[in-house]
Amino acid sequence: MSKILIVAEHLDGKLNTSATAKCVSAAKAIGGEIHIAVLAADPGAIAAEAAGIEGVAKVVAVADAANAHALAQVLAPQIAKLADGYSHVLGPSTTFGKDLMPCVAALLGVAQISDLMAVDSSHTFKRPIYAGNAIVTVEAPAGQTVVGTVRVASWPAAGAGGSATVESVSVDAALPSHTRFVELKQGKTDRPDLQSAPRVVSGGRGVGSAENFAIIFSLADKLKAGVGASRAAVDAGYVPNDMQVGQTGKIIAPELYVAIGISGAIQHLTGIKDAGTIVAINKDAEAPIFEIADIGLVGDLFKIVPELEAAL
């Protein structure tokens, strides 16, 4: 029977519940006993959150001052040690997981499986390639530890109500001396997190300027939604790059996605293809975004968006 270890993502003492719970759903599809590893300076509260995810049998808590910040070079040696006895080691395909899991795979001497989106068997999976235009089946060698990232946009979050046991362990791993935490720079916002928000409003180059992006923020606040942007809007300097949605940004799967002034470049469509309902507003009736939109509004966004907001 498979024994699966999921590496929990957390920040400021709080579990990224959505990403972790979606990894649990992928682990359930593989089948076997599911454990979650929480590495932190003080993992107690985070471990308790992880223990509440339905389907988790055990939470392994590793307390170490070196784990105060999520540095891949610090966490990876510890996870590689914890991996002994596990058939699978999984992490979310977020910035955290994409940074960490390749290091774990390298230390274990295996090839990583990226963006796991479906499970055919314990060692056979499907993942997207070519910006999501094709799906490939990949198979890990039998008997080899599978290290992979889970494409969180492709999986539902496992429910709450679990009652896993929490076990505190110590890990004897050689930590690097050449890597140290200096500073974390991240955008601060009271809006919902882009990757876990059930509703997202995004603006593209058609918005015209950073000042005009206020119309996007206003509608998002009305919908209590997260705010995203196309690569073109980011490259133009309208908003910071942590808001970018798409293949080279964040891949998301909200219940509602509103694309405003976004033409629909393939790399952007890759990031939203799993959204529940897609609403597109664009003055160009031939824009590619309309090919995948559930609802399309052709016209001047500066006229349509205020009217839409007033009607809400």
Protein backbone atom coordinates (compact mmCIF):
# COMPACT_ATOMS: atom_id res chain seq x y z
CA MET A 1 0.00 0.00 0.00
CA SER A 2 1.21 3.50 -0.83
CA LYS A 3 2.35 5.78 1.95
CA ILE A 4 2.20 9.42 0.96
CA LEU A 5 3.90 12.44 2.52
CA ILE A 6 2.56 15.91 1.69
CA VAL A 7 4.69 18.96 2.47
CA ALA A 8 2.48 21.66 3.98
CA GLU A 9 2.79 25.22 2.72
CA HIS A 10 2.40 27.90 5.39
CA LEU A 11 3.25 31.52 6.08
CA ASP A 12 3.19 33.63 9.23
CA GLY A 13 1.99 30.72 11.33
CA LYS A 14 -0.99 29.91 9.09
CA LEU A 15 -1.44 26.89 6.87
CA ASN A 16 -2.20 27.39 3.20
CA THR A 17 -5.24 25.22 3.73
CA SER A 18 -6.49 25.35 0.14
CA ALA A 19 -3.22 24.21 -1.47
CA THR A 20 -2.60 21.55 1.17
CA ALA A 21 -6.15 20.19 1.03
CA LYS A 22 -5.94 19.93 -2.77
CA CYS A 23 -2.74 17.91 -2.41
CA VAL A 24 -4.67 15.63 -0.05
CA SER A 25 -7.30 15.09 -2.77
CA ALA A 26 -4.57 14.07 -5.21
CA ALA A 27 -3.11 11.72 -2.60
CA LYS A 28 -6.54 10.14 -2.11
CA ALA A 29 -6.67 9.43 -5.84
CA ILE A 30 -3.33 7.62 -5.55
CA GLY A 31 -4.61 5.66 -2.56
CA GLY A 32 -2.81 4.82 0.66
CA GLU A 33 -2.02 6.33 4.03
CA ILE A 34 -1.65 10.11 3.92
CA HIS A 35 0.70 12.07 6.18
CA ILE A 36 1.43 15.80 6.19
CA ALA A 37 4.83 17.23 7.12
CA VAL A 38 4.90 20.65 8.80
CA LEU A 39 8.36 22.20 9.09
CA ALA A 40 8.45 25.43 11.07
CA ALA A 41 10.12 27.12 14.01
CA ASP A 42 6.93 26.47 16.00
CA PRO A 43 4.71 24.08 14.04
CA GLY A 44 2.06 23.50 16.71
CA ALA A 45 -0.79 25.66 15.42
CA ILE A 46 -0.07 24.86 11.77
CA ALA A 47 0.03 21.13 12.51
CA ALA A 48 -3.33 21.39 14.27
CA GLU A 49 -4.83 23.02 11.15
CA ALA A 50 -3.38 20.27 8.95
CA ALA A 51 -4.74 17.58 11.26
CA GLY A 52 -8.25 18.86 10.60
CA ILE A 53 -8.14 18.00 6.87
CA GLU A 54 -10.31 14.99 6.12
CA GLY A 55 -8.39 11.91 5.00
CA VAL A 56 -5.10 12.69 6.77
CA ALA A 57 -3.87 9.93 9.09
CA LYS A 58 -0.91 11.70 10.68
CA VAL A 59 0.80 15.08 10.82
CA VAL A 60 4.57 15.05 11.27
CA ALA A 61 5.73 18.25 12.96
CA VAL A 62 9.39 19.27 12.72
CA ALA A 63 10.34 22.16 15.00
CA ASP A 64 13.60 23.90 14.21
CA ALA A 65 14.59 27.56 14.36
CA ALA A 66 16.13 27.11 10.90
CA ASN A 67 12.63 26.51 9.55
CA ALA A 68 11.34 29.95 10.52
CA HIS A 69 11.35 30.90 6.82
CA ALA A 70 10.51 28.64 3.88
CA LEU A 71 13.89 28.33 2.21
CA ALA A 72 14.05 25.39 -0.20
CA GLN A 73 17.73 24.75 0.51
CA VAL A 74 16.98 24.44 4.23
CA LEU A 75 13.76 22.45 4.03
CA ALA A 76 14.76 20.02 1.26
CA PRO A 77 17.45 18.08 3.19
CA GLN A 78 15.00 17.56 6.05
CA ILE A 79 12.21 16.41 3.77
CA ALA A 80 14.59 14.04 1.98
CA LYS A 81 15.32 12.47 5.36
CA LEU A 82 11.62 12.30 6.24
CA ALA A 83 10.90 10.66 2.87
CA ASP A 84 12.43 7.38 4.01
CA GLY A 85 9.64 4.80 3.99
CA TYR A 86 7.25 6.87 1.86
CA SER A 87 6.27 5.87 -1.67
CA HIS A 88 5.27 9.43 -2.64
CA VAL A 89 6.33 12.92 -1.58
CA LEU A 90 4.02 15.66 -2.85
CA GLY A 91 3.86 19.45 -2.66
CA PRO A 92 1.57 22.05 -4.24
CA SER A 93 2.42 23.51 -7.62
CA THR A 94 2.61 26.98 -6.13
CA THR A 95 5.65 29.24 -5.89
CA PHE A 96 6.53 27.41 -2.68
CA GLY A 97 6.24 23.93 -4.19
CA LYS A 98 7.94 24.79 -7.47
CA ASP A 99 10.93 26.09 -5.51
CA LEU A 100 11.11 23.25 -3.00
CA MET A 101 10.18 19.96 -4.65
CA PRO A 102 12.90 19.92 -7.37
CA CYS A 103 15.47 20.18 -4.57
CA VAL A 104 13.85 17.22 -2.78
CA ALA A 105 13.83 15.19 -6.00
CA ALA A 106 17.50 15.96 -6.64
CA LEU A 107 18.49 14.87 -3.13
CA LEU A 108 16.55 11.62 -3.56
CA GLY A 109 18.07 11.06 -7.00
CA VAL A 110 14.75 10.87 -8.84
CA ALA A 111 13.04 12.83 -11.60
CA GLN A 112 10.22 15.09 -10.45
CA ILE A 113 6.72 14.83 -11.91
CA SER A 114 5.42 18.38 -12.29
CA ASP A 115 1.82 19.64 -12.31
CA LEU A 116 0.18 16.32 -11.54
CA MET A 117 -3.43 16.77 -12.70
CA ALA A 118 -4.83 13.22 -12.81
CA VAL A 119 -3.90 9.80 -11.43
CA ASP A 120 -4.02 6.64 -13.57
CA SER A 121 -2.22 4.42 -11.07
CA SER A 122 0.19 4.75 -8.17
CA HIS A 123 3.08 5.52 -10.52
CA THR A 124 1.27 6.75 -13.65
CA PHE A 125 -0.05 10.30 -13.93
CA LYS A 126 -1.26 12.91 -16.38
CA ARG A 127 0.19 16.40 -16.64
CA PRO A 128 -0.20 19.31 -19.09
CA ILE A 129 2.48 20.30 -21.61
CA TYR A 130 2.73 22.96 -24.34
CA ALA A 131 0.89 25.56 -22.27
CA GLY A 132 -1.90 23.10 -21.57
CA ASN A 133 -2.58 22.38 -25.25
CA ALA A 134 -1.70 18.72 -24.73
CA ILE A 135 -1.93 16.28 -21.85
CA VAL A 136 0.83 13.72 -21.47
CA THR A 137 0.88 10.49 -19.46
CA VAL A 138 4.06 9.98 -17.45
CA GLU A 139 5.14 6.91 -15.52
CA ALA A 140 7.66 6.76 -12.69
CA PRO A 141 9.81 3.62 -12.38
CA ALA A 142 8.24 0.95 -10.17
CA GLY A 143 9.68 0.92 -6.68
CA GLN A 144 11.02 4.45 -6.98
CA THR A 145 9.88 7.22 -4.66
CA VAL A 146 7.59 9.54 -6.59
CA VAL A 147 8.32 13.22 -6.00
CA GLY A 148 5.81 15.57 -7.56
CA THR A 149 3.97 18.85 -7.52
CA VAL A 150 0.17 18.84 -7.59
CA ARG A 151 -1.56 21.18 -10.03
CA VAL A 152 -3.89 22.72 -7.48
CA ALA A 153 -6.20 24.14 -10.15
CA SER A 154 -7.09 20.58 -11.20
CA TRP A 155 -8.17 19.24 -7.81
CA PRO A 156 -10.97 20.04 -5.36
CA ALA A 157 -9.95 20.74 -1.79
CA ALA A 158 -10.41 17.89 0.67
CA GLY A 159 -13.00 18.67 3.32
CA ALA A 160 -12.56 19.54 6.96
CA GLY A 161 -13.49 17.41 9.93
CA GLY A 162 -10.37 15.26 10.10
CA SER A 163 -8.78 14.18 13.37
CA ALA A 164 -5.25 13.13 12.48
CA THR A 165 -2.68 12.48 15.16
CA VAL A 166 0.20 14.95 15.46
CA GLU A 167 3.67 13.53 16.01
CA SER A 168 6.66 15.73 16.83
CA VAL A 169 9.88 14.47 15.30
CA SER A 170 13.44 15.69 15.00
CA VAL A 171 15.40 15.40 11.77
CA ASP A 172 19.16 15.03 11.64
CA ALA A 173 19.97 16.62 8.30
CA ALA A 174 22.95 18.65 7.21
CA LEU A 175 21.71 22.17 6.56
CA PRO A 176 23.51 24.49 4.12
CA SER A 177 25.79 27.22 5.37
CA HIS A 178 25.67 29.21 2.12
CA THR A 179 21.96 30.07 2.30
CA ARG A 180 20.37 32.49 4.73
CA PHE A 181 17.12 34.42 4.93
CA VAL A 182 17.53 38.15 4.28
CA GLU A 183 14.09 39.59 3.64
CA LEU A 184 10.65 38.67 2.34
CA LYS A 185 9.07 41.16 -0.02
CA GLN A 186 5.44 40.61 -0.88
CA GLY A 187 2.46 42.69 -1.78
CA LYS A 188 0.06 43.47 1.06
CA THR A 189 -3.64 43.46 0.36
CA ASP A 190 -6.90 43.02 2.20
CA ARG A 191 -8.41 41.32 -0.83
CA PRO A 192 -8.71 37.51 -1.08
CA ASP A 193 -5.58 35.60 -2.07
CA LEU A 194 -5.42 35.28 -5.85
CA GLN A 195 -4.72 31.54 -5.90
CA SER A 196 -7.48 30.54 -3.47
CA ALA A 197 -10.16 33.20 -4.10
CA PRO A 198 -13.52 31.81 -5.32
CA ARG A 199 -13.96 34.93 -7.47
CA VAL A 200 -11.24 36.75 -9.43
CA VAL A 201 -11.39 39.92 -11.54
CA SER A 202 -8.47 40.48 -13.91
CA GLY A 203 -7.45 43.37 -16.12
CA GLY A 204 -5.39 43.37 -19.28
CA ARG A 205 -3.60 45.78 -21.57
CA GLY A 206 -6.98 47.11 -22.68
CA VAL A 207 -7.35 48.83 -19.30
CA GLY A 208 -4.86 51.36 -20.61
CA SER A 209 -2.85 52.47 -17.58
CA ALA A 210 -2.03 51.86 -13.93
CA GLU A 211 -4.43 54.66 -12.97
CA ASN A 212 -7.26 53.08 -14.98
CA PHE A 213 -6.73 49.81 -13.12
CA ALA A 214 -8.78 51.38 -10.33
CA ILE A 215 -11.85 50.23 -12.26
CA ILE A 216 -10.70 46.61 -11.83
CA PHE A 217 -10.07 47.04 -8.11
CA SER A 218 -13.47 48.67 -7.64
CA LEU A 219 -15.39 45.81 -9.28
CA ALA A 220 -13.31 43.26 -7.40
CA ASP A 221 -14.14 44.92 -4.09
CA LYS A 222 -17.82 44.85 -5.01
CA LEU A 223 -17.58 41.11 -5.72
CA LYS A 224 -15.25 40.46 -2.76
CA ALA A 225 -12.89 38.99 -5.32
CA GLY A 226 -9.17 38.60 -5.77
CA VAL A 227 -7.46 40.74 -8.41
CA GLY A 228 -5.31 39.44 -11.24
CA ALA A 229 -3.79 40.71 -14.46
CA SER A 230 -2.56 39.51 -17.82
CA ARG A 231 1.13 39.37 -18.62
CA ALA A 232 0.70 42.31 -20.98
CA ALA A 233 -0.69 44.45 -18.14
CA VAL A 234 2.17 43.44 -15.87
CA ASP A 235 4.81 44.06 -18.55
CA ALA A 236 3.27 47.48 -19.15
CA GLY A 237 3.76 48.32 -15.48
CA TYR A 238 0.08 48.63 -14.57
CA VAL A 239 0.37 46.23 -11.61
CA PRO A 240 3.11 44.18 -9.91
CA ASN A 241 4.04 40.76 -11.28
CA ASP A 242 2.67 38.84 -8.27
CA MET A 243 -0.77 39.55 -9.76
CA GLN A 244 0.01 37.88 -13.10
CA VAL A 245 -2.32 35.05 -14.12
CA GLY A 246 -1.19 32.53 -16.71
CA GLN A 247 1.45 29.99 -17.59
CA THR A 248 4.27 32.24 -16.38
CA GLY A 249 2.24 33.58 -13.47
CA LYS A 250 -0.40 31.93 -11.30
CA ILE A 251 -2.61 29.09 -12.47
CA ILE A 252 -5.99 29.48 -10.81
CA ALA A 253 -9.41 27.81 -10.78
CA PRO A 254 -11.94 30.20 -9.21
CA GLU A 255 -15.68 29.65 -9.39
CA LEU A 256 -15.98 32.96 -11.28
CA TYR A 257 -13.31 34.61 -13.43
CA VAL A 258 -13.96 38.05 -14.96
CA ALA A 259 -11.47 39.00 -17.70
CA ILE A 260 -11.59 42.71 -18.55
CA GLY A 261 -9.64 44.11 -21.48
CA ILE A 262 -7.80 40.80 -21.89
CA SER A 263 -7.48 39.52 -25.47
CA GLY A 264 -6.71 35.94 -24.45
CA ALA A 265 -3.12 35.00 -25.25
CA ILE A 266 -2.55 31.25 -24.96
CA GLN A 267 -0.35 31.58 -21.89
CA HIS A 268 -3.14 33.46 -20.10
CA LEU A 269 -5.81 30.96 -21.10
CA THR A 270 -3.64 28.19 -19.66
CA GLY A 271 -3.91 29.82 -16.26
CA ILE A 272 -7.72 30.04 -16.21
CA LYS A 273 -8.94 27.02 -18.18
CA ASP A 274 -10.19 25.28 -15.00
CA ALA A 275 -12.29 28.23 -13.84
CA GLY A 276 -15.96 27.46 -13.25
CA THR A 277 -17.50 30.40 -15.13
CA ILE A 278 -15.51 32.79 -17.32
CA VAL A 279 -16.89 36.24 -18.14
CA ALA A 280 -15.04 38.27 -20.78
CA ILE A 281 -15.39 41.99 -21.52
CA ASN A 282 -13.54 43.22 -24.60
CA LYS A 283 -14.19 45.70 -27.42
CA ASP A 284 -12.79 43.24 -30.00
CA ALA A 285 -15.46 40.67 -30.89
CA GLU A 286 -12.76 38.46 -32.44
CA ALA A 287 -10.61 38.32 -29.29
CA PRO A 288 -9.52 34.72 -28.49
CA ILE A 289 -10.84 35.07 -24.91
CA PHE A 290 -14.39 34.77 -26.29
CA GLU A 291 -13.64 31.25 -27.55
CA ILE A 292 -13.51 29.93 -23.98
CA ALA A 293 -15.73 32.47 -22.21
CA ASP A 294 -19.09 31.29 -20.85
CA ILE A 295 -20.39 34.87 -21.04
CA GLY A 296 -18.99 37.48 -23.41
CA LEU A 297 -19.69 41.20 -23.47
CA VAL A 298 -18.44 43.14 -26.49
CA GLY A 299 -17.99 46.84 -25.91
CA ASP A 300 -16.12 49.62 -24.13
CA LEU A 301 -15.00 48.30 -20.75
CA PHE A 302 -15.09 51.83 -19.29
CA LYS A 303 -18.82 51.89 -19.99
CA ILE A 304 -19.70 48.26 -19.27
CA VAL A 305 -17.82 47.78 -16.00
CA PRO A 306 -19.38 50.78 -14.16
CA GLU A 307 -22.83 49.68 -15.37
CA LEU A 308 -22.15 46.15 -14.19
CA GLU A 309 -20.90 47.38 -10.82
CA ALA A 310 -23.95 49.62 -10.38
CA ALA A 311 -26.23 46.65 -11.04
CA LEU A 312 -24.63 44.48 -8.35
